[in-house]
Amino acid sequence: MRRVLPLLVFIMLVAAGELPAQQRRLGQGPRAGEVAPRRQQLEARLRQGLWRITKNRVGLTDEQMTRLAEASRPFDAQRRQLAVQEREQRLALRREILAGPTADQQRIATSLDQVLELQRRRIQLQIDEQRALGAFMTPLQRAKYAALQEQLRRRAEKLRAQRAGSQGGGALDTLR
C-alpha cells in the first residue's frame, strides 16, 4: 500500500494538469484541443487505483462507490476551481512580497483577504460534501474517507514542494 500511494499521487498530479503544464512550457505537450492518449490512460489508471483503495480502506460497497462518484463530481469541480483561484491569489501575493519596498500594500491586503475567503469557501465545501456523503455512508466511513483524502492531499503537496525545491524554488514557494 505504501508503494502504491506515491504512484497514485504522481498520477493524480498528471491528471490534475500539473505535469503537462510543465511539458507545455518546454514545448513538449499536446497541441490545443488535443488530449494526450497517455494522459487518458494515466487518468483511467488513477481512477481504478483510487476506486480500489477507497473501497478497501473505507469499506464501501459497489453501490456506495457509485453513489460516491456521483456525489463527489460537483464537489470535485468546485474544489478544483477554488484551488486554481487560491493558487492565483498566492502567486499575486508572492509577486508583491518579492517586490520588497515597492510592494503595493493594498494589493497585499486584498490578496490576503481573498486567500482567507477562498479557504473559508473550501471549508464550507467540505462541510457540504460531508452532509451529502452522510446520505449513504456511515460516520465511520465518512471519517475514513476524509482521512484518505487528506493523506492524498498531503502527499500531493509534498511532491509539489519537492518538485519546486528541485527546480530552484525559494522559501516563498510555500505561498503556492
C-alpha atoms as a PDB file:
ATOM      1  CA  MET A   1       0.000   0.000   0.000  1.00  0.00           C
ATOM      2  CA  ARG A   2       2.811   2.419   0.832  1.00  0.00           C
ATOM      3  CA  ARG A   3       4.314   1.821  -2.624  1.00  0.00           C
ATOM      4  CA  VAL A   4       1.004   2.413  -4.392  1.00  0.00           C
ATOM      5  CA  LEU A   5       0.165   5.799  -2.848  1.00  0.00           C
ATOM      6  CA  PRO A   6       3.186   7.706  -4.220  1.00  0.00           C
ATOM      7  CA  LEU A   7       2.367   6.387  -7.689  1.00  0.00           C
ATOM      8  CA  LEU A   8      -1.268   7.391  -7.291  1.00  0.00           C
ATOM      9  CA  VAL A   9      -0.280  10.865  -6.139  1.00  0.00           C
ATOM     10  CA  PHE A  10       2.034  11.197  -9.136  1.00  0.00           C
ATOM     11  CA  ILE A  11      -0.768  10.109 -11.436  1.00  0.00           C
ATOM     12  CA  MET A  12      -3.111  12.499  -9.632  1.00  0.00           C
ATOM     13  CA  LEU A  13      -0.718  15.367 -10.381  1.00  0.00           C
ATOM     14  CA  VAL A  14      -0.620  14.364 -14.026  1.00  0.00           C
ATOM     15  CA  ALA A  15      -4.408  14.103 -14.145  1.00  0.00           C
ATOM     16  CA  ALA A  16      -4.770  17.484 -12.451  1.00  0.00           C
ATOM     17  CA  GLY A  17      -2.684  19.060 -15.203  1.00  0.00           C
ATOM     18  CA  GLU A  18       0.341  19.839 -13.071  1.00  0.00           C
ATOM     19  CA  LEU A  19       2.931  17.951 -15.086  1.00  0.00           C
ATOM     20  CA  PRO A  20       1.537  18.558 -18.585  1.00  0.00           C
ATOM     21  CA  ALA A  21       1.736  22.320 -17.905  1.00  0.00           C
ATOM     22  CA  GLN A  22       5.450  21.906 -17.319  1.00  0.00           C
ATOM     23  CA  GLN A  23       5.782  19.947 -20.541  1.00  0.00           C
ATOM     24  CA  ARG A  24       3.877  22.667 -22.457  1.00  0.00           C
ATOM     25  CA  ARG A  25       6.350  25.264 -21.174  1.00  0.00           C
ATOM     26  CA  LEU A  26       9.067  23.105 -22.668  1.00  0.00           C
ATOM     27  CA  GLY A  27       7.136  22.742 -25.919  1.00  0.00           C
ATOM     28  CA  GLN A  28       6.524  19.031 -25.369  1.00  0.00           C
ATOM     29  CA  GLY A  29       2.815  18.948 -24.583  1.00  0.00           C
ATOM     30  CA  PRO A  30      -0.125  18.236 -26.843  1.00  0.00           C
ATOM     31  CA  ARG A  31      -1.487  20.968 -29.100  1.00  0.00           C
ATOM     32  CA  ALA A  32      -4.538  22.972 -28.061  1.00  0.00           C
ATOM     33  CA  GLY A  33      -7.680  20.863 -28.015  1.00  0.00           C
ATOM     34  CA  GLU A  34      -5.693  17.631 -28.204  1.00  0.00           C
ATOM     35  CA  VAL A  35      -5.882  15.160 -25.343  1.00  0.00           C
ATOM     36  CA  ALA A  36      -2.795  13.061 -24.951  1.00  0.00           C
ATOM     37  CA  PRO A  37      -3.621   9.333 -25.092  1.00  0.00           C
ATOM     38  CA  ARG A  38      -1.039   8.656 -22.388  1.00  0.00           C
ATOM     39  CA  ARG A  39      -2.720  11.141 -20.087  1.00  0.00           C
ATOM     40  CA  GLN A  40      -6.079   9.441 -20.657  1.00  0.00           C
ATOM     41  CA  GLN A  41      -4.500   6.107 -19.746  1.00  0.00           C
ATOM     42  CA  LEU A  42      -2.930   7.579 -16.619  1.00  0.00           C
ATOM     43  CA  GLU A  43      -6.232   9.137 -15.590  1.00  0.00           C
ATOM     44  CA  ALA A  44      -8.025   5.821 -16.086  1.00  0.00           C
ATOM     45  CA  ARG A  45      -5.377   4.026 -14.001  1.00  0.00           C
ATOM     46  CA  LEU A  46      -5.707   6.705 -11.344  1.00  0.00           C
ATOM     47  CA  ARG A  47      -9.468   6.272 -11.163  1.00  0.00           C
ATOM     48  CA  GLN A  48      -9.140   2.485 -10.943  1.00  0.00           C
ATOM     49  CA  GLY A  49      -6.467   2.671  -8.263  1.00  0.00           C
ATOM     50  CA  LEU A  50      -8.334   5.244  -6.223  1.00  0.00           C
ATOM     51  CA  TRP A  51     -11.555   3.242  -6.593  1.00  0.00           C
ATOM     52  CA  ARG A  52      -9.840   0.113  -5.261  1.00  0.00           C
ATOM     53  CA  ILE A  53      -8.049   1.886  -2.418  1.00  0.00           C
ATOM     54  CA  THR A  54     -11.131   3.841  -1.399  1.00  0.00           C
ATOM     55  CA  LYS A  55     -13.388   0.808  -1.491  1.00  0.00           C
ATOM     56  CA  ASN A  56     -10.975  -1.283   0.576  1.00  0.00           C
ATOM     57  CA  ARG A  57      -9.838   1.309   3.111  1.00  0.00           C
ATOM     58  CA  VAL A  58     -13.198   2.950   3.667  1.00  0.00           C
ATOM     59  CA  GLY A  59     -15.189  -0.275   3.447  1.00  0.00           C
ATOM     60  CA  LEU A  60     -17.710   0.775   0.817  1.00  0.00           C
ATOM     61  CA  THR A  61     -19.974  -1.438  -1.265  1.00  0.00           C
ATOM     62  CA  ASP A  62     -20.108  -1.164  -5.057  1.00  0.00           C
ATOM     63  CA  GLU A  63     -23.395   0.736  -4.731  1.00  0.00           C
ATOM     64  CA  GLN A  64     -21.829   3.172  -2.249  1.00  0.00           C
ATOM     65  CA  MET A  65     -18.870   3.644  -4.586  1.00  0.00           C
ATOM     66  CA  THR A  66     -21.228   4.508  -7.432  1.00  0.00           C
ATOM     67  CA  ARG A  67     -23.063   6.991  -5.214  1.00  0.00           C
ATOM     68  CA  LEU A  68     -19.742   8.415  -4.039  1.00  0.00           C
ATOM     69  CA  ALA A  69     -18.663   9.029  -7.633  1.00  0.00           C
ATOM     70  CA  GLU A  70     -21.958  10.776  -8.395  1.00  0.00           C
ATOM     71  CA  ALA A  71     -21.957  12.829  -5.197  1.00  0.00           C
ATOM     72  CA  SER A  72     -18.295  13.822  -5.472  1.00  0.00           C
ATOM     73  CA  ARG A  73     -18.383  15.078  -9.046  1.00  0.00           C
ATOM     74  CA  PRO A  74     -19.797  18.579  -8.361  1.00  0.00           C
ATOM     75  CA  PHE A  75     -17.659  18.970  -5.244  1.00  0.00           C
ATOM     76  CA  ASP A  76     -14.522  17.962  -7.147  1.00  0.00           C
ATOM     77  CA  ALA A  77     -15.216  20.568  -9.823  1.00  0.00           C
ATOM     78  CA  GLN A  78     -15.736  23.263  -7.192  1.00  0.00           C
ATOM     79  CA  ARG A  79     -12.631  22.137  -5.306  1.00  0.00           C
ATOM     80  CA  ARG A  80     -10.521  22.410  -8.470  1.00  0.00           C
ATOM     81  CA  GLN A  81     -11.907  25.863  -9.182  1.00  0.00           C
ATOM     82  CA  LEU A  82     -11.123  27.026  -5.628  1.00  0.00           C
ATOM     83  CA  ALA A  83      -7.603  25.590  -5.881  1.00  0.00           C
ATOM     84  CA  VAL A  84      -6.950  27.497  -9.110  1.00  0.00           C
ATOM     85  CA  GLN A  85      -8.255  30.726  -7.594  1.00  0.00           C
ATOM     86  CA  GLU A  86      -6.221  30.238  -4.434  1.00  0.00           C
ATOM     87  CA  ARG A  87      -3.067  29.494  -6.426  1.00  0.00           C
ATOM     88  CA  GLU A  88      -3.616  32.702  -8.449  1.00  0.00           C
ATOM     89  CA  GLN A  89      -4.034  34.752  -5.280  1.00  0.00           C
ATOM     90  CA  ARG A  90      -0.972  33.202  -3.653  1.00  0.00           C
ATOM     91  CA  LEU A  91       1.098  33.928  -6.754  1.00  0.00           C
ATOM     92  CA  ALA A  92      -0.130  37.545  -6.767  1.00  0.00           C
ATOM     93  CA  LEU A  93       0.778  37.794  -3.100  1.00  0.00           C
ATOM     94  CA  ARG A  94       4.191  36.282  -3.784  1.00  0.00           C
ATOM     95  CA  ARG A  95       4.877  38.783  -6.574  1.00  0.00           C
ATOM     96  CA  GLU A  96       4.094  41.680  -4.267  1.00  0.00           C
ATOM     97  CA  ILE A  97       6.215  40.302  -1.440  1.00  0.00           C
ATOM     98  CA  LEU A  98       9.146  39.834  -3.809  1.00  0.00           C
ATOM     99  CA  ALA A  99       8.786  43.477  -4.886  1.00  0.00           C
ATOM    100  CA  GLY A 100      10.134  44.384  -1.442  1.00  0.00           C
ATOM    101  CA  PRO A 101       9.898  48.058  -0.529  1.00  0.00           C
ATOM    102  CA  THR A 102       7.963  48.860  -3.706  1.00  0.00           C
ATOM    103  CA  ALA A 103       5.234  46.324  -2.858  1.00  0.00           C
ATOM    104  CA  ASP A 104       1.676  47.579  -3.194  1.00  0.00           C
ATOM    105  CA  GLN A 105       0.278  47.301   0.337  1.00  0.00           C
ATOM    106  CA  GLN A 106      -3.321  47.437  -0.886  1.00  0.00           C
ATOM    107  CA  ARG A 107      -2.732  44.520  -3.279  1.00  0.00           C
ATOM    108  CA  ILE A 108      -1.150  42.516  -0.460  1.00  0.00           C
ATOM    109  CA  ALA A 109      -4.124  43.218   1.809  1.00  0.00           C
ATOM    110  CA  THR A 110      -6.578  42.309  -0.946  1.00  0.00           C
ATOM    111  CA  SER A 111      -4.746  39.089  -1.803  1.00  0.00           C
ATOM    112  CA  LEU A 112      -4.562  38.068   1.849  1.00  0.00           C
ATOM    113  CA  ASP A 113      -8.283  38.702   2.276  1.00  0.00           C
ATOM    114  CA  GLN A 114      -9.089  36.731  -0.862  1.00  0.00           C
ATOM    115  CA  VAL A 115      -6.895  33.786   0.186  1.00  0.00           C
ATOM    116  CA  LEU A 116      -8.691  33.651   3.535  1.00  0.00           C
ATOM    117  CA  GLU A 117     -12.099  33.859   1.838  1.00  0.00           C
ATOM    118  CA  LEU A 118     -11.146  31.034  -0.530  1.00  0.00           C
ATOM    119  CA  GLN A 119     -10.035  28.931   2.435  1.00  0.00           C
ATOM    120  CA  ARG A 120     -13.374  29.625   4.143  1.00  0.00           C
ATOM    121  CA  ARG A 121     -15.205  28.563   0.980  1.00  0.00           C
ATOM    122  CA  ARG A 122     -13.109  25.375   0.808  1.00  0.00           C
ATOM    123  CA  ILE A 123     -14.060  24.509   4.395  1.00  0.00           C
ATOM    124  CA  GLN A 124     -17.734  25.173   3.649  1.00  0.00           C
ATOM    125  CA  LEU A 125     -17.406  22.919   0.612  1.00  0.00           C
ATOM    126  CA  GLN A 126     -16.044  20.149   2.851  1.00  0.00           C
ATOM    127  CA  ILE A 127     -18.967  20.600   5.242  1.00  0.00           C
ATOM    128  CA  ASP A 128     -21.462  20.436   2.370  1.00  0.00           C
ATOM    129  CA  GLU A 129     -19.717  17.372   0.935  1.00  0.00           C
ATOM    130  CA  GLN A 130     -19.801  15.587   4.299  1.00  0.00           C
ATOM    131  CA  ARG A 131     -23.538  16.249   4.545  1.00  0.00           C
ATOM    132  CA  ALA A 132     -24.077  14.803   1.067  1.00  0.00           C
ATOM    133  CA  LEU A 133     -21.953  11.745   1.868  1.00  0.00           C
ATOM    134  CA  GLY A 134     -23.956  11.231   5.061  1.00  0.00           C
ATOM    135  CA  ALA A 135     -26.915  10.214   2.898  1.00  0.00           C
ATOM    136  CA  PHE A 136     -25.270   6.873   2.060  1.00  0.00           C
ATOM    137  CA  MET A 137     -22.148   6.475   4.211  1.00  0.00           C
ATOM    138  CA  THR A 138     -21.824   5.759   7.911  1.00  0.00           C
ATOM    139  CA  PRO A 139     -19.992   8.289  10.087  1.00  0.00           C
ATOM    140  CA  LEU A 140     -17.062   5.856  10.333  1.00  0.00           C
ATOM    141  CA  GLN A 141     -16.888   5.538   6.545  1.00  0.00           C
ATOM    142  CA  ARG A 142     -17.048   9.322   6.157  1.00  0.00           C
ATOM    143  CA  ALA A 143     -14.223   9.741   8.672  1.00  0.00           C
ATOM    144  CA  LYS A 144     -12.086   7.161   6.891  1.00  0.00           C
ATOM    145  CA  TYR A 145     -12.812   8.762   3.531  1.00  0.00           C
ATOM    146  CA  ALA A 146     -11.908  12.224   4.851  1.00  0.00           C
ATOM    147  CA  ALA A 147      -8.644  10.832   6.266  1.00  0.00           C
ATOM    148  CA  LEU A 148      -7.813   9.196   2.929  1.00  0.00           C
ATOM    149  CA  GLN A 149      -8.497  12.446   1.064  1.00  0.00           C
ATOM    150  CA  GLU A 150      -6.278  14.349   3.486  1.00  0.00           C
ATOM    151  CA  GLN A 151      -3.496  11.789   3.145  1.00  0.00           C
ATOM    152  CA  LEU A 152      -3.572  12.055  -0.653  1.00  0.00           C
ATOM    153  CA  ARG A 153      -3.693  15.859  -0.493  1.00  0.00           C
ATOM    154  CA  ARG A 154      -0.659  15.985   1.806  1.00  0.00           C
ATOM    155  CA  ARG A 155       1.311  13.612  -0.395  1.00  0.00           C
ATOM    156  CA  ALA A 156       0.476  15.679  -3.462  1.00  0.00           C
ATOM    157  CA  GLU A 157       1.595  18.839  -1.638  1.00  0.00           C
ATOM    158  CA  LYS A 158       4.813  17.142  -0.557  1.00  0.00           C
ATOM    159  CA  LEU A 159       5.552  16.095  -4.138  1.00  0.00           C
ATOM    160  CA  ARG A 160       4.834  19.622  -5.391  1.00  0.00           C
ATOM    161  CA  ALA A 161       7.150  21.081  -2.736  1.00  0.00           C
ATOM    162  CA  GLN A 162       9.896  18.611  -3.632  1.00  0.00           C
ATOM    163  CA  ARG A 163       9.484  19.415  -7.305  1.00  0.00           C
ATOM    164  CA  ALA A 164       9.569  23.162  -6.593  1.00  0.00           C
ATOM    165  CA  GLY A 165      12.712  22.673  -4.489  1.00  0.00           C
ATOM    166  CA  SER A 166      14.427  20.736  -7.232  1.00  0.00           C
ATOM    167  CA  GLN A 167      13.555  23.493  -9.715  1.00  0.00           C
ATOM    168  CA  GLY A 168      15.356  26.106  -7.631  1.00  0.00           C
ATOM    169  CA  GLY A 169      12.338  27.375  -5.695  1.00  0.00           C
ATOM    170  CA  GLY A 170      12.878  29.531  -2.662  1.00  0.00           C
ATOM    171  CA  ALA A 171      11.333  29.925   0.747  1.00  0.00           C
ATOM    172  CA  LEU A 172       8.379  31.803  -0.693  1.00  0.00           C
ATOM    173  CA  ASP A 173       7.292  28.692  -2.602  1.00  0.00           C
ATOM    174  CA  THR A 174       5.232  27.815   0.430  1.00  0.00           C
ATOM    175  CA  LEU A 175       2.865  30.570  -0.685  1.00  0.00           C
ATOM    176  CA  ARG A 176       1.852  28.484  -3.698  1.00  0.00           C
END
